[in-house]
Protein backbone atom coordinates (compact mmCIF):
# COMPACT_ATOMS: atom_id res chain seq x y z
CA MET A 1 -194.51 189.73 -134.95
CA ARG A 2 -192.62 191.95 -137.36
CA LEU A 3 -194.38 192.93 -140.56
CA LYS A 4 -192.48 193.48 -143.81
CA ASN A 5 -193.47 195.54 -146.82
CA VAL A 6 -196.55 197.04 -145.14
CA ARG A 7 -198.45 199.46 -147.35
CA ARG A 8 -201.92 200.91 -147.61
CA VAL A 9 -203.58 199.86 -150.82
CA ARG A 10 -206.91 201.62 -150.83
CA LYS A 11 -209.68 202.92 -148.66
CA GLN A 12 -213.28 201.99 -149.38
CA ARG A 13 -216.10 203.40 -147.37
CA ASP A 14 -215.17 202.90 -143.73
CA TRP A 15 -212.43 200.27 -144.02
CA GLU A 16 -208.86 200.27 -145.25
CA GLU A 17 -206.91 197.53 -146.95
CA TRP A 18 -203.31 197.06 -145.90
CA ILE A 19 -200.92 194.53 -147.34
CA ALA A 20 -198.14 192.99 -145.27
CA GLU A 21 -195.79 190.08 -145.80
CA VAL A 22 -195.33 187.83 -142.78
CA ARG A 23 -193.95 184.37 -142.18
CA VAL A 24 -196.69 181.90 -141.31
CA GLY A 25 -194.74 180.90 -138.19
CA ASP A 26 -194.90 184.47 -136.88
CA VAL A 27 -198.69 184.81 -136.70
CA PRO A 28 -201.16 183.78 -133.96
CA ASP A 29 -202.37 180.16 -133.92
CA HIS A 30 -205.85 180.86 -135.36
CA THR A 31 -204.38 182.86 -138.25
CA ARG A 32 -201.72 180.20 -138.88
CA ARG A 33 -204.47 177.56 -138.99
CA THR A 34 -206.48 179.54 -141.56
CA LEU A 35 -203.48 180.29 -143.78
CA THR A 36 -202.14 176.71 -143.59
CA THR A 37 -205.55 175.23 -144.45
CA GLY A 38 -205.90 177.64 -147.39
CA ILE A 39 -202.38 176.99 -148.68
CA GLU A 40 -202.91 173.22 -148.49
CA LEU A 41 -206.17 173.46 -150.45
CA VAL A 42 -204.64 175.74 -153.11
CA ARG A 43 -201.72 173.34 -153.54
CA LYS A 44 -203.93 170.24 -153.59
CA TYR A 45 -206.07 171.58 -156.45
CA ASP A 46 -203.24 173.50 -158.14
CA LEU A 47 -205.09 176.82 -157.92
CA PRO A 48 -203.24 180.04 -158.83
CA CYS A 49 -204.83 181.87 -155.91
CA ASP A 50 -203.34 183.86 -153.05
CA ILE A 51 -204.79 183.32 -149.58
CA GLU A 52 -205.71 186.48 -147.69
CA ILE A 53 -207.24 187.34 -144.37
CA ARG A 54 -208.88 190.72 -144.58
CA ASP A 55 -211.75 192.86 -143.36
CA LEU A 56 -214.69 192.16 -145.64
CA PRO A 57 -217.99 194.03 -145.73
CA PRO A 58 -220.53 193.02 -143.06
CA GLY A 59 -222.20 189.71 -143.85
CA MET A 60 -219.34 188.40 -146.01
CA LEU A 61 -217.30 185.58 -144.51
CA ALA A 62 -215.14 184.92 -147.56
CA ALA A 63 -214.74 185.91 -151.21
CA HIS A 64 -213.04 184.78 -154.38
CA ILE A 65 -211.52 187.93 -155.86
CA TRP A 66 -210.48 188.29 -159.51
CA ARG A 67 -207.89 191.04 -159.97
CA LYS A 68 -207.43 193.22 -163.04
CA ASP A 69 -204.20 191.38 -163.93
CA GLU A 70 -206.18 188.07 -164.05
CA SER A 71 -204.61 186.83 -160.81
CA CYS A 72 -206.93 185.99 -157.96
CA ALA A 73 -207.20 185.56 -154.22
CA ILE A 74 -209.34 183.67 -151.76
CA ALA A 75 -210.06 186.08 -148.94
CA ILE A 76 -211.25 184.91 -145.52
CA SER A 77 -212.82 187.56 -143.31
CA THR A 78 -211.10 188.51 -140.11
CA ARG A 79 -214.36 187.61 -138.34
CA LEU A 80 -214.29 184.03 -139.63
CA ASN A 81 -210.55 183.76 -138.95
CA PHE A 82 -210.98 184.74 -135.29
CA LYS A 83 -214.33 183.12 -134.51
CA GLY A 84 -214.69 180.20 -136.94
CA ASP A 85 -213.76 176.64 -136.14
CA ASN A 86 -211.58 174.49 -138.45
CA ARG A 87 -214.61 172.96 -140.21
CA ALA A 88 -216.25 176.34 -140.95
CA ILE A 89 -213.00 177.76 -142.35
CA HIS A 90 -212.32 174.65 -144.43
CA ARG A 91 -215.82 174.70 -145.91
CA ARG A 92 -215.57 178.39 -146.86
CA LEU A 93 -212.19 177.81 -148.50
CA ILE A 94 -213.70 174.94 -150.52
CA HIS A 95 -216.64 177.17 -151.52
CA GLU A 96 -214.32 179.91 -152.76
CA ALA A 97 -212.07 177.39 -154.56
CA ALA A 98 -215.20 176.18 -156.37
CA HIS A 99 -215.81 179.74 -157.58
CA HIS A 100 -212.34 179.76 -159.12
CA LEU A 101 -212.74 176.33 -160.72
CA SER A 102 -216.18 177.08 -162.16
CA GLY A 103 -214.86 180.27 -163.79
CA ARG A 104 -215.97 183.85 -164.06
CA GLY A 105 -219.64 184.66 -164.45
CA HIS A 106 -221.07 181.52 -162.86
CA GLY A 107 -221.98 182.92 -159.44
CA HIS A 108 -224.01 180.18 -157.74
CA ASP A 109 -225.50 178.67 -160.89
CA GLU A 110 -225.71 174.99 -161.87
CA THR A 111 -222.07 174.83 -163.02
CA PHE A 112 -220.84 176.24 -159.73
CA ARG A 113 -223.07 173.87 -157.71
CA ARG A 114 -221.73 170.84 -159.58
CA VAL A 115 -218.11 171.90 -159.04
CA ALA A 116 -218.68 172.76 -155.38
CA SER A 117 -220.53 169.53 -154.69
CA ALA A 118 -217.69 167.49 -156.22
CA LEU A 119 -215.08 169.41 -154.17
CA TYR A 120 -217.02 168.96 -150.92
CA GLU A 121 -217.30 165.25 -151.62
CA ARG A 122 -213.57 164.93 -152.38
CA GLU A 123 -212.87 166.73 -149.09
CA GLY A 124 -215.00 164.27 -147.11
CA TYR A 125 -218.27 166.12 -146.67
CA PRO A 126 -221.54 164.24 -147.34
CA THR A 127 -223.10 164.53 -150.76
CA GLY A 128 -226.53 165.89 -151.39
CA GLU A 129 -229.13 165.46 -154.07
CA ARG A 130 -230.53 168.03 -156.46
CA GLY A 131 -233.41 169.84 -154.86
CA ASP A 132 -232.16 169.54 -151.29
CA GLY A 133 -229.62 172.34 -151.61
CA TRP A 134 -227.09 169.70 -152.67
CA GLY A 135 -226.57 168.75 -149.02
CA ASN A 136 -223.05 169.94 -148.61
CA MET A 137 -223.27 173.56 -149.75
């Protein structure tokens, strides 16, 4: 695999962020699966988000990241990319897409839960009821 445009962006605590451009066909199968699933979801819901696989702090499997220029990214942790199955990765991508669709400042509030529940249902996961954790979150 040959990486293009590799550069170090920043160093935070004990991890570094590097950016590289690669063709999806040039990456290992598990990474291709994660990127392809993310790209399909972004296209399906017309989200202006990049899909990234990166080292995230311990305990974080994914994140929706708003950038200063108002662009955003859905980041999947390298741990989830390497160890997660298709279903786990798909569900995390849906969760982070729901963060984008519910907008800034909603965290995991009622608005977010409504949006996430609707997305999970559209993606074929069972619905839940209020009070039971909404079943599919």
